[in-house]
Amino acid sequence: MFEHAFTLPGTPTSAINYYRALFRTLGLSMLPLVGGEGPPLDVDVSTQVLWGLDDEALSPNLTEGLDEWVSDLRVVRFPDASHWLHLDEPDAVTDNLREFFDAHD
């Protein structure tokens, strides 16, 4: 599905422009997320991160140490899922989201 989409004219540029704009908009506030120096982040809401360990775009190492900034954190890793976790493990993603939101409503 995504392979075909990326063959369409302008698609790769549009996908990359999203990230270009994100870093330009947020500037230095993004640095802690990419391993640089920047202002500290403090997240005081219950947070769940769902991560596919076969993600070729983002390293699973990015899920480590988040509890330094997030006071109530749950990280769920899926060993056989990719960057497109919701497509690789749709039932597990739905179950995790429901469980998380039921516990925090």
C-alpha atoms as a PDB file:
ATOM      1  CA  MET A   1       0.000   0.000   0.000  1.00  0.00           C
ATOM      2  CA  PHE A   2       2.624   2.586   1.051  1.00  0.00           C
ATOM      3  CA  GLU A   3       5.050   1.426  -1.613  1.00  0.00           C
ATOM      4  CA  HIS A   4       2.571   2.388  -4.323  1.00  0.00           C
ATOM      5  CA  ALA A   5       1.693   5.700  -2.655  1.00  0.00           C
ATOM      6  CA  PHE A   6       5.348   6.730  -2.670  1.00  0.00           C
ATOM      7  CA  THR A   7       5.551   6.206  -6.437  1.00  0.00           C
ATOM      8  CA  LEU A   8       3.034   9.007  -7.020  1.00  0.00           C
ATOM      9  CA  PRO A   9       4.543  12.353  -8.061  1.00  0.00           C
ATOM     10  CA  GLY A  10       5.204  14.682  -5.136  1.00  0.00           C
ATOM     11  CA  THR A  11       4.497  12.130  -2.413  1.00  0.00           C
ATOM     12  CA  PRO A  12       8.046  11.695  -1.039  1.00  0.00           C
ATOM     13  CA  THR A  13       8.572  15.469  -0.928  1.00  0.00           C
ATOM     14  CA  SER A  14       5.271  15.986   0.863  1.00  0.00           C
ATOM     15  CA  ALA A  15       6.097  13.335   3.439  1.00  0.00           C
ATOM     16  CA  ILE A  16       9.514  14.840   4.170  1.00  0.00           C
ATOM     17  CA  ASN A  17       8.123  18.389   4.274  1.00  0.00           C
ATOM     18  CA  TYR A  18       5.984  17.405   7.265  1.00  0.00           C
ATOM     19  CA  TYR A  19       9.136  16.727   9.296  1.00  0.00           C
ATOM     20  CA  ARG A  20      10.948  19.765   7.929  1.00  0.00           C
ATOM     21  CA  ALA A  21       8.092  21.997   9.056  1.00  0.00           C
ATOM     22  CA  LEU A  22       7.847  20.269  12.417  1.00  0.00           C
ATOM     23  CA  PHE A  23      11.471  20.996  13.314  1.00  0.00           C
ATOM     24  CA  ARG A  24      11.291  24.547  11.965  1.00  0.00           C
ATOM     25  CA  THR A  25       8.141  25.268  13.954  1.00  0.00           C
ATOM     26  CA  LEU A  26       9.277  23.725  17.215  1.00  0.00           C
ATOM     27  CA  GLY A  27      12.937  24.670  16.862  1.00  0.00           C
ATOM     28  CA  LEU A  28      15.097  24.066  19.918  1.00  0.00           C
ATOM     29  CA  SER A  29      12.260  22.549  21.913  1.00  0.00           C
ATOM     30  CA  MET A  30      12.704  19.370  19.837  1.00  0.00           C
ATOM     31  CA  LEU A  31      16.370  18.908  20.741  1.00  0.00           C
ATOM     32  CA  PRO A  32      15.853  16.745  23.839  1.00  0.00           C
ATOM     33  CA  LEU A  33      13.875  14.330  21.684  1.00  0.00           C
ATOM     34  CA  VAL A  34      16.724  13.883  19.224  1.00  0.00           C
ATOM     35  CA  GLY A  35      19.545  13.661  21.739  1.00  0.00           C
ATOM     36  CA  GLY A  36      20.625  17.305  21.919  1.00  0.00           C
ATOM     37  CA  GLU A  37      20.542  19.961  24.571  1.00  0.00           C
ATOM     38  CA  GLY A  38      17.429  21.979  25.087  1.00  0.00           C
ATOM     39  CA  PRO A  39      14.871  23.037  27.650  1.00  0.00           C
ATOM     40  CA  PRO A  40      13.676  20.274  29.979  1.00  0.00           C
ATOM     41  CA  LEU A  41      10.379  18.630  29.230  1.00  0.00           C
ATOM     42  CA  ASP A  42       7.955  17.789  32.010  1.00  0.00           C
ATOM     43  CA  VAL A  43       4.817  15.858  31.112  1.00  0.00           C
ATOM     44  CA  ASP A  44       2.378  15.502  33.978  1.00  0.00           C
ATOM     45  CA  VAL A  45      -0.353  13.476  32.293  1.00  0.00           C
ATOM     46  CA  SER A  46      -0.711   9.727  31.969  1.00  0.00           C
ATOM     47  CA  THR A  47       1.069   8.759  28.776  1.00  0.00           C
ATOM     48  CA  GLN A  48       1.219   5.543  26.794  1.00  0.00           C
ATOM     49  CA  VAL A  49       3.705   4.906  23.997  1.00  0.00           C
ATOM     50  CA  LEU A  50       3.109   2.016  21.598  1.00  0.00           C
ATOM     51  CA  TRP A  51       6.225   1.063  19.621  1.00  0.00           C
ATOM     52  CA  GLY A  52       7.030  -1.446  16.907  1.00  0.00           C
ATOM     53  CA  LEU A  53      10.506  -2.882  17.451  1.00  0.00           C
ATOM     54  CA  ASP A  54      10.927  -3.574  13.709  1.00  0.00           C
ATOM     55  CA  ASP A  55      10.581   0.149  12.935  1.00  0.00           C
ATOM     56  CA  GLU A  56      13.195   0.975  10.292  1.00  0.00           C
ATOM     57  CA  ALA A  57      12.691   4.740  10.668  1.00  0.00           C
ATOM     58  CA  LEU A  58      12.880   5.201  14.451  1.00  0.00           C
ATOM     59  CA  SER A  59      15.111   3.284  16.847  1.00  0.00           C
ATOM     60  CA  PRO A  60      13.545   1.534  19.840  1.00  0.00           C
ATOM     61  CA  ASN A  61      16.216   3.327  21.889  1.00  0.00           C
ATOM     62  CA  LEU A  62      14.031   6.426  21.603  1.00  0.00           C
ATOM     63  CA  THR A  63      11.622   4.781  24.054  1.00  0.00           C
ATOM     64  CA  GLU A  64      14.287   4.508  26.749  1.00  0.00           C
ATOM     65  CA  GLY A  65      14.687   7.172  29.429  1.00  0.00           C
ATOM     66  CA  LEU A  66      11.365   8.873  28.704  1.00  0.00           C
ATOM     67  CA  ASP A  67      10.354   8.446  32.327  1.00  0.00           C
ATOM     68  CA  GLU A  68      12.859  11.205  33.116  1.00  0.00           C
ATOM     69  CA  TRP A  69      10.374  13.659  31.588  1.00  0.00           C
ATOM     70  CA  VAL A  70       7.062  11.810  31.872  1.00  0.00           C
ATOM     71  CA  SER A  71       5.831  11.149  35.412  1.00  0.00           C
ATOM     72  CA  ASP A  72       3.200   8.490  34.550  1.00  0.00           C
ATOM     73  CA  LEU A  73       4.509   6.528  31.572  1.00  0.00           C
ATOM     74  CA  ARG A  74       3.666   3.174  30.063  1.00  0.00           C
ATOM     75  CA  VAL A  75       5.706   1.935  27.085  1.00  0.00           C
ATOM     76  CA  VAL A  76       4.384  -1.092  25.184  1.00  0.00           C
ATOM     77  CA  ARG A  77       6.777  -2.615  22.663  1.00  0.00           C
ATOM     78  CA  PHE A  78       5.659  -4.930  19.870  1.00  0.00           C
ATOM     79  CA  PRO A  79       8.506  -7.191  18.694  1.00  0.00           C
ATOM     80  CA  ASP A  80       7.021  -8.059  15.283  1.00  0.00           C
ATOM     81  CA  ALA A  81       5.628  -4.651  14.314  1.00  0.00           C
ATOM     82  CA  SER A  82       7.103  -1.883  12.191  1.00  0.00           C
ATOM     83  CA  HIS A  83       6.729   1.903  12.009  1.00  0.00           C
ATOM     84  CA  TRP A  84       3.153   1.196  10.883  1.00  0.00           C
ATOM     85  CA  LEU A  85       2.163  -0.425  14.160  1.00  0.00           C
ATOM     86  CA  HIS A  86      -1.555   0.193  13.702  1.00  0.00           C
ATOM     87  CA  LEU A  87      -1.456  -1.777  10.442  1.00  0.00           C
ATOM     88  CA  ASP A  88       0.801  -4.571  11.712  1.00  0.00           C
ATOM     89  CA  GLU A  89      -1.016  -5.139  15.030  1.00  0.00           C
ATOM     90  CA  PRO A  90      -4.452  -3.489  14.729  1.00  0.00           C
ATOM     91  CA  ASP A  91      -6.196  -5.609  17.372  1.00  0.00           C
ATOM     92  CA  ALA A  92      -3.370  -5.250  19.912  1.00  0.00           C
ATOM     93  CA  VAL A  93      -3.196  -1.477  19.334  1.00  0.00           C
ATOM     94  CA  THR A  94      -6.957  -1.165  19.809  1.00  0.00           C
ATOM     95  CA  ASP A  95      -6.875  -3.310  22.948  1.00  0.00           C
ATOM     96  CA  ASN A  96      -4.013  -1.268  24.446  1.00  0.00           C
ATOM     97  CA  LEU A  97      -5.708   2.037  23.680  1.00  0.00           C
ATOM     98  CA  ARG A  98      -9.012   0.896  25.146  1.00  0.00           C
ATOM     99  CA  GLU A  99      -7.328  -0.407  28.290  1.00  0.00           C
ATOM    100  CA  PHE A 100      -5.342   2.805  28.688  1.00  0.00           C
ATOM    101  CA  PHE A 101      -8.309   5.123  28.167  1.00  0.00           C
ATOM    102  CA  ASP A 102     -10.588   3.025  30.387  1.00  0.00           C
ATOM    103  CA  ALA A 103      -8.024   3.308  33.190  1.00  0.00           C
ATOM    104  CA  HIS A 104      -7.652   7.083  32.736  1.00  0.00           C
ATOM    105  CA  ASP A 105     -11.162   8.422  32.146  1.00  0.00           C
END
